[in-house]
Amino acid sequence: MISRDQELWACALWVEKQHGEAGPSFIGEKIKRLALEGDFEGVATWRAIADRYDTLVDGVAGAARQ
């Protein structure tokens, strides 16, 4: 069984693999749609995914510079 944190990291990785540089736009649209629907738990989930996505992308970019 995977933890909630692992699930969020998996989602962030999926966004990076599927959407690449368009990941932030994809995530932003998800958050916007969920907020308009009043799904604030979904908004919180996608914000957590966004945080991990940023960390993932920053880590990959940092490793590429080395």
Protein backbone atom coordinates (compact mmCIF):
# COMPACT_ATOMS: atom_id res chain seq x y z
CA MET A 1 0.00 0.00 0.00
CA ILE A 2 1.38 3.44 -0.91
CA SER A 3 1.20 6.43 1.37
CA ARG A 4 -0.68 9.62 0.55
CA ASP A 5 2.65 11.39 0.04
CA GLN A 6 3.77 8.74 -2.44
CA GLU A 7 0.47 9.10 -4.29
CA LEU A 8 0.96 12.88 -4.58
CA TRP A 9 4.53 12.39 -5.85
CA ALA A 10 3.26 9.87 -8.40
CA CYS A 11 0.71 12.41 -9.64
CA ALA A 12 3.41 15.08 -9.93
CA LEU A 13 5.60 12.70 -11.91
CA TRP A 14 2.67 11.80 -14.17
CA VAL A 15 2.03 15.50 -14.88
CA GLU A 16 5.71 16.02 -15.70
CA LYS A 17 5.81 13.01 -18.03
CA GLN A 18 2.49 13.76 -19.76
CA HIS A 19 2.63 17.55 -19.95
CA GLY A 20 6.30 18.51 -19.60
CA GLU A 21 6.76 22.28 -19.62
CA ALA A 22 2.98 22.72 -19.88
CA GLY A 23 2.61 21.06 -16.45
CA PRO A 24 2.04 24.30 -14.52
CA SER A 25 -0.70 25.32 -16.95
CA PHE A 26 -2.35 21.90 -16.68
CA ILE A 27 -2.24 22.02 -12.88
CA GLY A 28 -3.51 25.61 -12.82
CA GLU A 29 -6.49 24.69 -14.99
CA LYS A 30 -7.29 21.75 -12.71
CA ILE A 31 -7.18 23.98 -9.64
CA LYS A 32 -9.30 26.65 -11.33
CA ARG A 33 -11.95 24.15 -12.44
CA LEU A 34 -12.13 22.50 -9.02
CA ALA A 35 -12.41 25.89 -7.28
CA LEU A 36 -15.26 26.92 -9.58
CA GLU A 37 -17.00 23.64 -8.75
CA GLY A 38 -16.52 24.30 -5.03
CA ASP A 39 -14.31 21.23 -4.59
CA PHE A 40 -11.90 22.73 -2.11
CA GLU A 41 -10.52 19.35 -1.05
CA GLY A 42 -9.61 18.75 -4.69
CA VAL A 43 -8.02 22.20 -4.83
CA ALA A 44 -5.90 21.34 -1.78
CA THR A 45 -4.87 18.04 -3.37
CA TRP A 46 -3.80 19.69 -6.63
CA ARG A 47 -1.93 22.41 -4.74
CA ALA A 48 -0.01 19.67 -2.95
CA ILE A 49 0.71 18.05 -6.33
CA ALA A 50 1.84 21.45 -7.65
CA ASP A 51 4.30 21.80 -4.76
CA ARG A 52 5.78 18.40 -5.53
CA TYR A 53 5.82 19.11 -9.27
CA ASP A 54 7.82 22.29 -8.61
CA THR A 55 10.26 20.38 -6.42
CA LEU A 56 10.57 17.64 -9.04
CA VAL A 57 11.18 20.03 -11.91
CA ASP A 58 13.60 22.16 -9.87
CA GLY A 59 15.52 19.02 -8.91
CA VAL A 60 15.74 17.82 -12.51
CA ALA A 61 16.85 21.25 -13.73
CA GLY A 62 19.45 21.48 -10.97
CA ALA A 63 20.84 18.06 -11.79
CA ALA A 64 21.07 18.96 -15.49
CA ARG A 65 23.18 22.03 -14.66
CA GLN A 66 25.74 19.98 -12.75
